């Protein structure tokens, strides 16, 4: 019962924070370089790796709150995407982006910390304690990597037509394709490394 309750809390908390920021992006142009159209700002907002990772973590937690023993392949891929995604979100933001990203008000600062620190921490701790385990294998990792590749292609194609990129280290307009692709490759390798680390932890925890 506690396991289900905690997973439900994480899911609802993440969805609430994302819904709040969605409302802000719909009604407010926070930066002068952001799209002036409400719909375009939402597309821009939902292009952030942070947002998508937290959404996938929320979806997997909500799934577990309903069915703790779910073993569908689609669930396993979404779960791994969420777990690895929020780990990378926390690492990249706190090491690279924290010093250059300043939310404009206290409510957005709280939302920002929730998506980059609080929810990732809760998600990883909950998984480490309760699992489910025996969920990760090479097929699941392959599915996650393919979805990451799809996301990368989308970001560069969209950026080509809009000149808008969610992160400065992949902003082709400012740093060029070579540096942007190199940074993307580093993120891909980090994703792969964290995914295999999760696989190792999954294997070790499943033996207890």
N, C-alpha and C. Protein backbone atom coordinates (compact mmCIF):
# COMPACT_ATOMS: atom_id res chain seq x y z
N UNK A 1 0.82 -1.21 0.00
CA UNK A 1 0.00 0.00 0.00
C UNK A 1 0.86 1.26 0.00
N UNK A 2 1.93 1.26 0.82
CA UNK A 2 2.83 2.41 0.89
C UNK A 2 3.52 2.62 -0.46
N UNK A 3 3.94 1.53 -1.07
CA UNK A 3 4.61 1.62 -2.36
C UNK A 3 3.70 2.27 -3.40
N UNK A 4 2.47 1.85 -3.45
CA UNK A 4 1.52 2.43 -4.39
C UNK A 4 1.28 3.90 -4.10
N UNK A 5 1.16 4.23 -2.82
CA UNK A 5 0.89 5.61 -2.42
C UNK A 5 2.04 6.54 -2.80
N UNK A 6 3.27 6.07 -2.58
CA UNK A 6 4.43 6.90 -2.91
C UNK A 6 4.54 7.10 -4.42
N UNK A 7 4.33 6.04 -5.18
CA UNK A 7 4.36 6.17 -6.63
C UNK A 7 3.27 7.11 -7.13
N UNK A 8 2.09 7.02 -6.55
CA UNK A 8 1.00 7.91 -6.94
C UNK A 8 1.35 9.36 -6.60
N UNK A 9 1.96 9.57 -5.44
CA UNK A 9 2.36 10.92 -5.05
C UNK A 9 3.36 11.51 -6.04
N UNK A 10 4.37 10.72 -6.41
CA UNK A 10 5.38 11.21 -7.37
C UNK A 10 4.72 11.57 -8.69
N UNK A 11 3.82 10.69 -9.16
CA UNK A 11 3.14 10.94 -10.42
C UNK A 11 2.32 12.23 -10.37
N UNK A 12 1.53 12.39 -9.33
CA UNK A 12 0.67 13.57 -9.22
C UNK A 12 1.49 14.84 -9.00
N UNK A 13 2.55 14.73 -8.24
CA UNK A 13 3.41 15.88 -7.99
C UNK A 13 4.05 16.37 -9.28
N UNK A 14 4.61 15.43 -10.05
CA UNK A 14 5.25 15.79 -11.32
C UNK A 14 4.24 16.39 -12.30
N UNK A 15 3.07 15.77 -12.38
CA UNK A 15 2.04 16.27 -13.30
C UNK A 15 1.57 17.66 -12.88
N UNK A 16 1.44 17.88 -11.57
CA UNK A 16 1.02 19.20 -11.07
C UNK A 16 2.04 20.27 -11.44
N UNK A 17 3.33 19.99 -11.24
CA UNK A 17 4.37 20.96 -11.56
C UNK A 17 4.39 21.25 -13.06
N UNK A 18 4.30 20.22 -13.86
CA UNK A 18 4.32 20.41 -15.32
C UNK A 18 3.07 21.15 -15.78
N UNK A 19 1.92 20.85 -15.18
CA UNK A 19 0.69 21.55 -15.52
C UNK A 19 0.80 23.04 -15.16
N UNK A 20 1.42 23.32 -14.01
CA UNK A 20 1.61 24.71 -13.59
C UNK A 20 2.48 25.45 -14.60
N UNK A 21 3.60 24.85 -14.98
CA UNK A 21 4.47 25.50 -15.95
C UNK A 21 3.82 25.60 -17.31
N UNK A 22 3.01 24.62 -17.67
CA UNK A 22 2.26 24.69 -18.92
C UNK A 22 1.35 25.91 -18.93
N UNK A 23 0.67 26.15 -17.83
CA UNK A 23 -0.21 27.32 -17.70
C UNK A 23 0.59 28.61 -17.87
N UNK A 24 1.76 28.67 -17.24
CA UNK A 24 2.61 29.86 -17.34
C UNK A 24 3.06 30.07 -18.78
N UNK A 25 3.54 29.02 -19.43
CA UNK A 25 4.02 29.14 -20.80
C UNK A 25 2.89 29.52 -21.76
N UNK A 26 1.70 29.05 -21.48
CA UNK A 26 0.56 29.37 -22.35
C UNK A 26 0.22 30.85 -22.26
N UNK A 27 0.32 31.43 -21.09
CA UNK A 27 -0.14 32.81 -20.88
C UNK A 27 0.97 33.85 -20.90
N UNK A 28 2.24 33.42 -20.78
CA UNK A 28 3.30 34.40 -20.61
C UNK A 28 4.51 34.10 -21.50
N UNK A 29 5.02 35.12 -22.14
CA UNK A 29 6.28 35.02 -22.86
C UNK A 29 7.38 35.42 -21.88
N UNK A 30 8.03 34.44 -21.28
CA UNK A 30 8.97 34.69 -20.19
C UNK A 30 10.25 35.36 -20.66
N UNK A 31 10.68 35.04 -21.86
CA UNK A 31 11.91 35.62 -22.42
C UNK A 31 11.59 36.23 -23.79
N UNK A 32 12.28 37.30 -24.17
CA UNK A 32 11.98 37.95 -25.45
C UNK A 32 12.23 37.07 -26.67
N UNK A 33 13.11 36.07 -26.53
CA UNK A 33 13.41 35.21 -27.67
C UNK A 33 12.48 34.01 -27.77
N UNK A 34 11.59 33.85 -26.80
CA UNK A 34 10.62 32.76 -26.88
C UNK A 34 9.51 33.10 -27.86
N UNK A 35 8.83 32.09 -28.41
CA UNK A 35 7.76 32.36 -29.38
C UNK A 35 6.67 33.24 -28.78
N UNK A 36 6.09 34.07 -29.61
CA UNK A 36 5.02 34.95 -29.15
C UNK A 36 3.67 34.23 -29.11
N UNK A 37 3.55 33.16 -29.88
CA UNK A 37 2.31 32.39 -29.93
C UNK A 37 2.23 31.42 -28.75
N UNK A 38 1.06 31.33 -28.14
CA UNK A 38 0.86 30.42 -27.00
C UNK A 38 1.13 28.97 -27.38
N UNK A 39 0.62 28.56 -28.54
CA UNK A 39 0.78 27.18 -28.98
C UNK A 39 2.26 26.88 -29.25
N UNK A 40 2.95 27.81 -29.88
CA UNK A 40 4.37 27.61 -30.17
C UNK A 40 5.19 27.56 -28.88
N UNK A 41 4.80 28.35 -27.88
CA UNK A 41 5.51 28.30 -26.59
C UNK A 41 5.31 26.95 -25.92
N UNK A 42 4.11 26.36 -26.04
CA UNK A 42 3.88 25.04 -25.46
C UNK A 42 4.71 23.98 -26.18
N UNK A 43 4.78 24.08 -27.49
CA UNK A 43 5.61 23.13 -28.25
C UNK A 43 7.06 23.25 -27.79
N UNK A 44 7.50 24.48 -27.61
CA UNK A 44 8.86 24.74 -27.13
C UNK A 44 9.05 24.15 -25.73
N UNK A 45 8.08 24.36 -24.85
CA UNK A 45 8.18 23.86 -23.48
C UNK A 45 8.27 22.33 -23.45
N UNK A 46 7.41 21.69 -24.24
CA UNK A 46 7.39 20.22 -24.25
C UNK A 46 8.50 19.62 -25.11
N UNK A 47 9.40 20.47 -25.58
CA UNK A 47 10.59 19.98 -26.28
C UNK A 47 11.77 19.82 -25.33
N UNK A 48 11.62 20.25 -24.08
CA UNK A 48 12.69 20.12 -23.11
C UNK A 48 12.82 18.67 -22.64
N UNK A 49 14.06 18.19 -22.63
CA UNK A 49 14.36 16.84 -22.14
C UNK A 49 13.89 16.68 -20.71
N UNK A 50 14.05 17.72 -19.91
CA UNK A 50 13.63 17.71 -18.51
C UNK A 50 12.15 17.40 -18.38
N UNK A 51 11.34 18.09 -19.16
CA UNK A 51 9.89 17.93 -19.08
C UNK A 51 9.48 16.53 -19.51
N UNK A 52 10.03 16.07 -20.61
CA UNK A 52 9.67 14.74 -21.11
C UNK A 52 10.12 13.64 -20.16
N UNK A 53 11.31 13.81 -19.57
CA UNK A 53 11.81 12.80 -18.62
C UNK A 53 10.92 12.72 -17.39
N UNK A 54 10.55 13.88 -16.85
CA UNK A 54 9.66 13.89 -15.69
C UNK A 54 8.29 13.35 -16.03
N UNK A 55 7.81 13.61 -17.24
CA UNK A 55 6.53 13.06 -17.66
C UNK A 55 6.58 11.54 -17.73
N UNK A 56 7.65 11.01 -18.29
CA UNK A 56 7.77 9.55 -18.39
C UNK A 56 7.92 8.91 -17.02
N UNK A 57 8.66 9.56 -16.13
CA UNK A 57 8.75 9.05 -14.77
C UNK A 57 7.37 9.06 -14.11
N UNK A 58 6.63 10.16 -14.30
CA UNK A 58 5.29 10.27 -13.72
C UNK A 58 4.36 9.20 -14.28
N UNK A 59 4.42 8.97 -15.58
CA UNK A 59 3.58 7.96 -16.21
C UNK A 59 3.90 6.57 -15.66
N UNK A 60 5.19 6.26 -15.52
CA UNK A 60 5.57 4.94 -15.01
C UNK A 60 5.16 4.78 -13.55
N UNK A 61 5.27 5.86 -12.76
CA UNK A 61 4.85 5.78 -11.36
C UNK A 61 3.34 5.61 -11.24
N UNK A 62 2.61 6.32 -12.07
CA UNK A 62 1.16 6.18 -12.08
C UNK A 62 0.76 4.77 -12.49
N UNK A 63 1.46 4.22 -13.47
CA UNK A 63 1.24 2.86 -13.93
C UNK A 63 1.45 1.88 -12.78
N UNK A 64 2.53 2.09 -12.01
CA UNK A 64 2.83 1.21 -10.89
C UNK A 64 1.82 1.34 -9.76
N UNK A 65 1.27 2.55 -9.58
CA UNK A 65 0.25 2.74 -8.55
C UNK A 65 -1.00 1.93 -8.87
N UNK A 66 -1.25 1.72 -10.15
CA UNK A 66 -2.42 0.95 -10.58
C UNK A 66 -2.09 -0.54 -10.64
N UNK A 67 -0.91 -0.85 -11.21
CA UNK A 67 -0.51 -2.25 -11.38
C UNK A 67 0.96 -2.43 -11.02
N UNK A 68 1.27 -2.71 -9.76
CA UNK A 68 2.67 -2.82 -9.32
C UNK A 68 3.45 -3.93 -10.00
N UNK A 69 2.78 -4.89 -10.60
CA UNK A 69 3.45 -6.03 -11.22
C UNK A 69 3.45 -5.97 -12.73
N UNK A 70 3.29 -4.77 -13.28
CA UNK A 70 3.22 -4.62 -14.73
C UNK A 70 4.53 -5.09 -15.37
N UNK A 71 4.42 -5.85 -16.45
CA UNK A 71 5.61 -6.36 -17.13
C UNK A 71 5.57 -6.11 -18.63
N UNK A 72 4.74 -5.19 -19.08
CA UNK A 72 4.67 -4.87 -20.51
C UNK A 72 5.97 -4.23 -20.99
N UNK A 73 6.34 -4.53 -22.22
CA UNK A 73 7.56 -3.96 -22.79
C UNK A 73 7.48 -2.44 -22.85
N UNK A 74 6.34 -1.92 -23.26
CA UNK A 74 6.17 -0.47 -23.36
C UNK A 74 6.37 0.19 -22.00
N UNK A 75 5.86 -0.44 -20.94
CA UNK A 75 6.07 0.10 -19.59
C UNK A 75 7.54 0.09 -19.23
N UNK A 76 8.24 -1.00 -19.53
CA UNK A 76 9.65 -1.11 -19.18
C UNK A 76 10.48 -0.03 -19.85
N UNK A 77 10.17 0.26 -21.12
CA UNK A 77 10.91 1.30 -21.85
C UNK A 77 10.60 2.67 -21.27
N UNK A 78 9.33 2.94 -21.01
CA UNK A 78 8.94 4.23 -20.41
C UNK A 78 9.57 4.39 -19.04
N UNK A 79 9.57 3.31 -18.26
CA UNK A 79 10.17 3.35 -16.91
C UNK A 79 11.65 3.67 -16.99
N UNK A 80 12.37 2.97 -17.88
CA UNK A 80 13.81 3.21 -18.00
C UNK A 80 14.08 4.61 -18.53
N UNK A 81 13.29 5.05 -19.51
CA UNK A 81 13.44 6.41 -20.02
C UNK A 81 13.26 7.44 -18.90
N UNK A 82 12.26 7.22 -18.06
CA UNK A 82 12.01 8.14 -16.97
C UNK A 82 13.15 8.15 -15.96
N UNK A 83 13.59 6.97 -15.56
CA UNK A 83 14.66 6.88 -14.56
C UNK A 83 15.97 7.47 -15.07
N UNK A 84 16.39 7.03 -16.25
CA UNK A 84 17.65 7.54 -16.81
C UNK A 84 17.52 9.02 -17.14
N UNK A 85 16.36 9.40 -17.66
CA UNK A 85 16.15 10.79 -18.04
C UNK A 85 16.26 11.75 -16.87
N UNK A 86 15.66 11.40 -15.73
CA UNK A 86 15.71 12.32 -14.58
C UNK A 86 17.11 12.34 -13.95
N UNK A 87 17.84 11.23 -14.04
CA UNK A 87 19.23 11.23 -13.56
C UNK A 87 20.07 12.20 -14.38
N UNK A 88 19.92 12.12 -15.71
CA UNK A 88 20.67 13.01 -16.60
C UNK A 88 20.21 14.46 -16.40
N UNK A 89 18.92 14.64 -16.22
CA UNK A 89 18.38 15.98 -15.95
C UNK A 89 19.06 16.59 -14.73
N UNK A 90 19.14 15.82 -13.65
CA UNK A 90 19.75 16.32 -12.42
C UNK A 90 21.24 16.59 -12.62
N UNK A 91 21.95 15.70 -13.30
CA UNK A 91 23.39 15.86 -13.50
C UNK A 91 23.69 17.09 -14.36
N UNK A 92 23.05 17.15 -15.54
CA UNK A 92 23.35 18.23 -16.49
C UNK A 92 22.94 19.58 -15.92
N UNK A 93 21.77 19.63 -15.29
CA UNK A 93 21.32 20.92 -14.78
C UNK A 93 22.23 21.42 -13.66
N UNK A 94 22.50 20.56 -12.70
CA UNK A 94 23.26 21.01 -11.54
C UNK A 94 24.74 21.23 -11.81
N UNK A 95 25.28 20.60 -12.85
CA UNK A 95 26.69 20.79 -13.19
C UNK A 95 26.89 21.89 -14.24
N UNK A 96 25.99 21.96 -15.22
CA UNK A 96 26.19 22.86 -16.36
C UNK A 96 25.26 24.05 -16.37
N UNK A 97 23.97 23.81 -16.11
CA UNK A 97 22.97 24.84 -16.40
C UNK A 97 22.56 25.69 -15.21
N UNK A 98 22.77 25.23 -14.00
CA UNK A 98 22.29 25.98 -12.83
C UNK A 98 22.84 27.40 -12.79
N UNK A 99 24.09 27.58 -13.15
CA UNK A 99 24.69 28.90 -13.07
C UNK A 99 24.22 29.88 -14.12
N UNK A 100 23.60 29.37 -15.19
CA UNK A 100 23.17 30.27 -16.27
C UNK A 100 21.66 30.34 -16.41
N UNK A 101 20.94 29.58 -15.60
CA UNK A 101 19.47 29.58 -15.69
C UNK A 101 18.89 30.13 -14.41
N UNK A 102 18.19 31.26 -14.52
CA UNK A 102 17.58 31.89 -13.36
C UNK A 102 16.08 32.07 -13.60
N UNK A 103 15.22 31.28 -12.96
CA UNK A 103 13.77 31.46 -13.11
C UNK A 103 13.36 32.86 -12.67
N UNK A 104 12.37 33.47 -13.34
CA UNK A 104 12.02 34.87 -13.10
C UNK A 104 11.28 35.17 -11.81
N UNK A 105 10.70 34.15 -11.16
CA UNK A 105 9.98 34.42 -9.90
C UNK A 105 10.05 33.20 -8.98
N UNK A 106 9.58 33.38 -7.76
CA UNK A 106 9.72 32.34 -6.73
C UNK A 106 8.94 31.07 -7.07
N UNK A 107 7.75 31.23 -7.67
CA UNK A 107 6.96 30.04 -8.01
C UNK A 107 7.65 29.19 -9.07
N UNK A 108 8.23 29.86 -10.06
CA UNK A 108 8.96 29.12 -11.09
C UNK A 108 10.27 28.56 -10.56
N UNK A 109 10.85 29.20 -9.56
CA UNK A 109 12.04 28.64 -8.91
C UNK A 109 11.70 27.34 -8.20
N UNK A 110 10.55 27.33 -7.52
CA UNK A 110 10.10 26.10 -6.83
C UNK A 110 9.83 25.00 -7.84
N UNK A 111 9.16 25.35 -8.92
CA UNK A 111 8.86 24.38 -9.98
C UNK A 111 10.15 23.86 -10.59
N UNK A 112 11.11 24.76 -10.80
CA UNK A 112 12.39 24.39 -11.40
C UNK A 112 13.15 23.40 -10.51
N UNK A 113 13.20 23.68 -9.22
CA UNK A 113 13.88 22.77 -8.29
C UNK A 113 13.15 21.44 -8.20
N UNK A 114 11.84 21.48 -8.30
CA UNK A 114 11.06 20.24 -8.24
C UNK A 114 11.41 19.32 -9.40
N UNK A 115 11.50 19.88 -10.62
CA UNK A 115 11.76 19.07 -11.80
C UNK A 115 13.21 18.63 -11.91
N UNK A 116 14.13 19.41 -11.35
CA UNK A 116 15.55 19.11 -11.52
C UNK A 116 16.19 18.44 -10.32
N UNK A 117 15.54 18.49 -9.16
CA UNK A 117 16.14 17.92 -7.96
C UNK A 117 15.17 17.01 -7.20
N UNK A 118 14.02 17.54 -6.81
CA UNK A 118 13.11 16.83 -5.90
C UNK A 118 12.53 15.57 -6.55
N UNK A 119 11.89 15.74 -7.69
CA UNK A 119 11.25 14.59 -8.35
C UNK A 119 12.27 13.55 -8.80
N UNK A 120 13.40 13.95 -9.43
CA UNK A 120 14.41 12.93 -9.75
C UNK A 120 14.89 12.14 -8.53
N UNK A 121 15.12 12.84 -7.42
CA UNK A 121 15.57 12.15 -6.20
C UNK A 121 14.52 11.18 -5.69
N UNK A 122 13.27 11.63 -5.63
CA UNK A 122 12.19 10.74 -5.18
C UNK A 122 12.03 9.54 -6.11
N UNK A 123 12.11 9.79 -7.41
CA UNK A 123 11.93 8.71 -8.37
C UNK A 123 13.00 7.64 -8.26
N UNK A 124 14.26 8.07 -8.17
CA UNK A 124 15.37 7.11 -8.09
C UNK A 124 15.34 6.35 -6.77
N UNK A 125 15.10 7.05 -5.67
CA UNK A 125 15.06 6.39 -4.36
C UNK A 125 13.93 5.36 -4.30
N UNK A 126 12.77 5.74 -4.82
CA UNK A 126 11.63 4.82 -4.82
C UNK A 126 11.93 3.59 -5.63
N UNK A 127 12.56 3.78 -6.81
CA UNK A 127 12.92 2.63 -7.64
C UNK A 127 13.94 1.75 -6.93
N UNK A 128 14.96 2.37 -6.30
CA UNK A 128 16.01 1.60 -5.64
C UNK A 128 15.45 0.78 -4.48
N UNK A 129 14.44 1.32 -3.81
CA UNK A 129 13.87 0.62 -2.65
C UNK A 129 12.88 -0.46 -3.08
N UNK A 130 11.98 -0.11 -4.00
CA UNK A 130 10.86 -1.01 -4.32
C UNK A 130 10.89 -1.58 -5.74
N UNK A 131 11.72 -1.04 -6.61
CA UNK A 131 11.71 -1.54 -7.98
C UNK A 131 10.54 -1.03 -8.80
N UNK A 132 9.93 -1.86 -9.63
CA UNK A 132 10.14 -3.31 -9.77
C UNK A 132 11.47 -3.63 -10.45
N UNK A 133 12.01 -4.80 -10.09
CA UNK A 133 13.27 -5.25 -10.64
C UNK A 133 13.03 -6.37 -11.66
N UNK A 134 14.11 -6.84 -12.25
CA UNK A 134 14.05 -7.80 -13.37
C UNK A 134 13.25 -7.22 -14.53
N UNK A 135 13.40 -5.92 -14.74
CA UNK A 135 12.67 -5.21 -15.79
C UNK A 135 13.58 -4.75 -16.92
N UNK A 136 14.88 -4.68 -16.66
CA UNK A 136 15.81 -4.10 -17.63
C UNK A 136 16.63 -5.19 -18.31
N UNK A 137 16.69 -5.12 -19.63
CA UNK A 137 17.53 -6.01 -20.42
C UNK A 137 17.97 -5.26 -21.67
N UNK A 138 18.72 -5.91 -22.52
CA UNK A 138 19.28 -5.23 -23.69
C UNK A 138 18.17 -4.76 -24.64
N UNK A 139 17.08 -5.49 -24.71
CA UNK A 139 15.97 -5.09 -25.57
C UNK A 139 15.33 -3.80 -25.07
N UNK A 140 15.17 -3.70 -23.76
CA UNK A 140 14.59 -2.50 -23.16
C UNK A 140 15.53 -1.31 -23.35
N UNK A 141 16.83 -1.52 -23.14
CA UNK A 141 17.80 -0.45 -23.34
C UNK A 141 17.81 0.01 -24.79
N UNK A 142 17.71 -0.93 -25.72
CA UNK A 142 17.65 -0.57 -27.14
C UNK A 142 16.43 0.29 -27.44
N UNK A 143 15.29 -0.08 -26.87
CA UNK A 143 14.08 0.73 -27.06
C UNK A 143 14.25 2.14 -26.52
N UNK A 144 14.90 2.27 -25.38
CA UNK A 144 15.14 3.58 -24.79
C UNK A 144 16.08 4.41 -25.66
N UNK A 145 17.13 3.77 -26.17
CA UNK A 145 18.08 4.49 -27.01
C UNK A 145 17.45 4.95 -28.31
N UNK A 146 16.57 4.13 -28.87
CA UNK A 146 15.88 4.52 -30.11
C UNK A 146 14.96 5.72 -29.86
N UNK A 147 14.30 5.74 -28.73
CA UNK A 147 13.45 6.88 -28.41
C UNK A 147 14.28 8.14 -28.19
N UNK A 148 15.47 7.99 -27.59
CA UNK A 148 16.36 9.13 -27.41
C UNK A 148 16.85 9.65 -28.76
N UNK A 149 17.16 8.75 -29.68
CA UNK A 149 17.57 9.16 -31.02
C UNK A 149 16.44 9.90 -31.73
N UNK A 150 15.22 9.42 -31.55
CA UNK A 150 14.07 10.11 -32.14
C UNK A 150 13.91 11.51 -31.59
N UNK A 151 14.13 11.65 -30.29
CA UNK A 151 14.06 12.97 -29.66
C UNK A 151 15.14 13.89 -30.22
N UNK A 152 16.36 13.38 -30.38
CA UNK A 152 17.44 14.19 -30.91
C UNK A 152 17.17 14.66 -32.33
N UNK A 153 16.66 13.75 -33.15
CA UNK A 153 16.32 14.12 -34.53
C UNK A 153 15.25 15.21 -34.55
N UNK A 154 14.24 15.06 -33.71
CA UNK A 154 13.18 16.06 -33.61
C UNK A 154 13.74 17.43 -33.23
N UNK A 155 14.63 17.47 -32.23
CA UNK A 155 15.19 18.74 -31.76
C UNK A 155 15.95 19.45 -32.87
N UNK A 156 16.76 18.72 -33.63
CA UNK A 156 17.56 19.36 -34.67
C UNK A 156 16.71 19.74 -35.88
N UNK A 157 15.73 18.92 -36.23
CA UNK A 157 14.85 19.27 -37.34
C UNK A 157 14.02 20.50 -36.99
N UNK A 158 13.45 20.50 -35.80
CA UNK A 158 12.66 21.65 -35.36
C UNK A 158 13.53 22.90 -35.26
N UNK A 159 14.74 22.72 -34.71
CA UNK A 159 15.65 23.85 -34.59
C UNK A 159 16.05 24.43 -35.93
N UNK A 160 16.18 23.57 -36.94
CA UNK A 160 16.54 24.02 -38.29
C UNK A 160 15.50 25.00 -38.83
N UNK A 161 14.23 24.73 -38.55
CA UNK A 161 13.16 25.56 -39.08
C UNK A 161 12.80 26.74 -38.17
N UNK A 162 13.08 26.64 -36.87
CA UNK A 162 12.66 27.69 -35.93
C UNK A 162 13.82 28.47 -35.31
N UNK A 163 15.04 27.91 -35.42
CA UNK A 163 16.22 28.49 -34.75
C UNK A 163 16.07 28.49 -33.23
N UNK A 164 15.21 27.63 -32.70
CA UNK A 164 15.01 27.52 -31.27
C UNK A 164 15.48 26.14 -30.80
N UNK A 165 16.33 26.14 -29.78
CA UNK A 165 16.85 24.91 -29.19
C UNK A 165 16.66 24.98 -27.68
N UNK A 166 16.28 23.87 -27.05
CA UNK A 166 15.97 23.93 -25.61
C UNK A 166 17.17 24.16 -24.70
N UNK A 167 18.39 23.85 -25.19
CA UNK A 167 19.56 23.97 -24.33
C UNK A 167 20.70 24.66 -25.07
N UNK A 168 21.48 25.48 -24.37
CA UNK A 168 22.56 26.23 -25.04
C UNK A 168 23.65 25.36 -25.63
N UNK A 169 23.91 24.19 -25.02
CA UNK A 169 25.00 23.35 -25.52
C UNK A 169 24.64 22.58 -26.79
N UNK A 170 23.37 22.71 -27.26
CA UNK A 170 23.01 22.14 -28.57
C UNK A 170 22.43 23.21 -29.48
N UNK A 171 22.63 24.47 -29.13
CA UNK A 171 22.10 25.58 -29.92
C UNK A 171 22.98 25.80 -31.14
N UNK A 172 22.57 25.25 -32.26
CA UNK A 172 23.35 25.31 -33.50
C UNK A 172 23.58 26.75 -33.94
N UNK A 173 22.60 27.62 -33.71
CA UNK A 173 22.71 29.02 -34.12
C UNK A 173 23.91 29.69 -33.46
N UNK A 174 24.18 29.34 -32.20
CA UNK A 174 25.25 30.00 -31.45
C UNK A 174 26.57 29.27 -31.49
N UNK A 175 26.55 27.94 -31.52
CA UNK A 175 27.81 27.20 -31.42
C UNK A 175 28.14 26.36 -32.65
N UNK A 176 27.21 26.25 -33.60
CA UNK A 176 27.46 25.49 -34.81
C UNK A 176 27.14 24.01 -34.66
N UNK A 177 27.06 23.32 -35.81
CA UNK A 177 26.65 21.92 -35.80
C UNK A 177 27.69 21.00 -35.17
N UNK A 178 28.97 21.29 -35.38
CA UNK A 178 30.01 20.39 -34.87
C UNK A 178 29.95 20.29 -33.36
N UNK A 179 29.95 21.44 -32.67
CA UNK A 179 29.90 21.43 -31.21
C UNK A 179 28.57 20.90 -30.70
N UNK A 180 27.48 21.23 -31.39
CA UNK A 180 26.16 20.76 -30.97
C UNK A 180 26.05 19.24 -31.08
N UNK A 181 26.57 18.69 -32.18
CA UNK A 181 26.52 17.24 -32.37
C UNK A 181 27.45 16.53 -31.41
N UNK A 182 28.59 17.16 -31.09
CA UNK A 182 29.50 16.58 -30.12
C UNK A 182 28.85 16.52 -28.74
N UNK A 183 28.16 17.61 -28.36
CA UNK A 183 27.45 17.63 -27.07
C UNK A 183 26.34 16.60 -27.06
N UNK A 184 25.64 16.46 -28.18
CA UNK A 184 24.57 15.46 -28.28
C UNK A 184 25.13 14.06 -28.12
N UNK A 185 26.29 13.81 -28.73
CA UNK A 185 26.94 12.51 -28.60
C UNK A 185 27.31 12.23 -27.15
N UNK A 186 27.77 13.26 -26.44
CA UNK A 186 28.12 13.09 -25.02
C UNK A 186 26.90 12.74 -24.18
N UNK A 187 25.78 13.41 -24.48
CA UNK A 187 24.54 13.10 -23.77
C UNK A 187 24.10 11.67 -24.07
N UNK A 188 24.24 11.27 -25.33
CA UNK A 188 23.88 9.90 -25.73
C UNK A 188 24.73 8.88 -24.96
N UNK A 189 26.03 9.14 -24.85
CA UNK A 189 26.92 8.24 -24.12
C UNK A 189 26.58 8.22 -22.63
N UNK A 190 26.25 9.40 -22.09
CA UNK A 190 25.85 9.47 -20.69
C UNK A 190 24.57 8.67 -20.47
N UNK A 191 23.61 8.80 -21.39
CA UNK A 191 22.36 8.05 -21.31
C UNK A 191 22.66 6.55 -21.32
N UNK A 192 23.54 6.14 -22.23
CA UNK A 192 23.88 4.72 -22.34
C UNK A 192 24.55 4.23 -21.06
N UNK A 193 25.46 5.04 -20.50
CA UNK A 193 26.14 4.65 -19.28
C UNK A 193 25.20 4.53 -18.10
N UNK A 194 24.29 5.49 -17.95
CA UNK A 194 23.33 5.44 -16.85
C UNK A 194 22.36 4.27 -17.03
N UNK A 195 21.98 4.00 -18.28
CA UNK A 195 21.08 2.87 -18.55
C UNK A 195 21.71 1.55 -18.14
N UNK A 196 23.00 1.36 -18.47
CA UNK A 196 23.69 0.12 -18.08
C UNK A 196 23.92 0.06 -16.58
N UNK A 197 24.13 1.22 -15.96
CA UNK A 197 24.25 1.25 -14.50
C UNK A 197 22.94 0.81 -13.85
N UNK A 198 21.82 1.31 -14.39
CA UNK A 198 20.51 0.88 -13.89
C UNK A 198 20.31 -0.61 -14.09
N UNK A 199 20.77 -1.13 -15.21
CA UNK A 199 20.67 -2.57 -15.48
C UNK A 199 21.45 -3.35 -14.43
N UNK A 200 22.66 -2.87 -14.10
CA UNK A 200 23.47 -3.56 -13.10
C UNK A 200 22.79 -3.52 -11.73
N UNK A 201 22.25 -2.36 -11.37
CA UNK A 201 21.55 -2.25 -10.10
C UNK A 201 20.31 -3.13 -10.08
N UNK A 202 19.60 -3.13 -11.20
CA UNK A 202 18.41 -3.98 -11.33
C UNK A 202 18.76 -5.45 -11.13
N UNK A 203 19.89 -5.87 -11.70
CA UNK A 203 20.31 -7.25 -11.57
C UNK A 203 20.69 -7.60 -10.13
N UNK A 204 21.46 -6.72 -9.51
CA UNK A 204 21.91 -6.95 -8.14
C UNK A 204 20.73 -6.92 -7.15
N UNK A 205 19.82 -5.97 -7.31
CA UNK A 205 18.68 -5.87 -6.41
C UNK A 205 17.72 -7.03 -6.58
N UNK A 206 17.62 -7.56 -7.80
CA UNK A 206 16.70 -8.67 -8.04
C UNK A 206 17.17 -9.97 -7.40
N UNK A 207 18.46 -10.04 -7.05
CA UNK A 207 19.00 -11.26 -6.45
C UNK A 207 18.80 -11.31 -4.94
N UNK A 208 18.37 -10.18 -4.36
CA UNK A 208 18.17 -10.15 -2.90
C UNK A 208 16.84 -10.76 -2.50
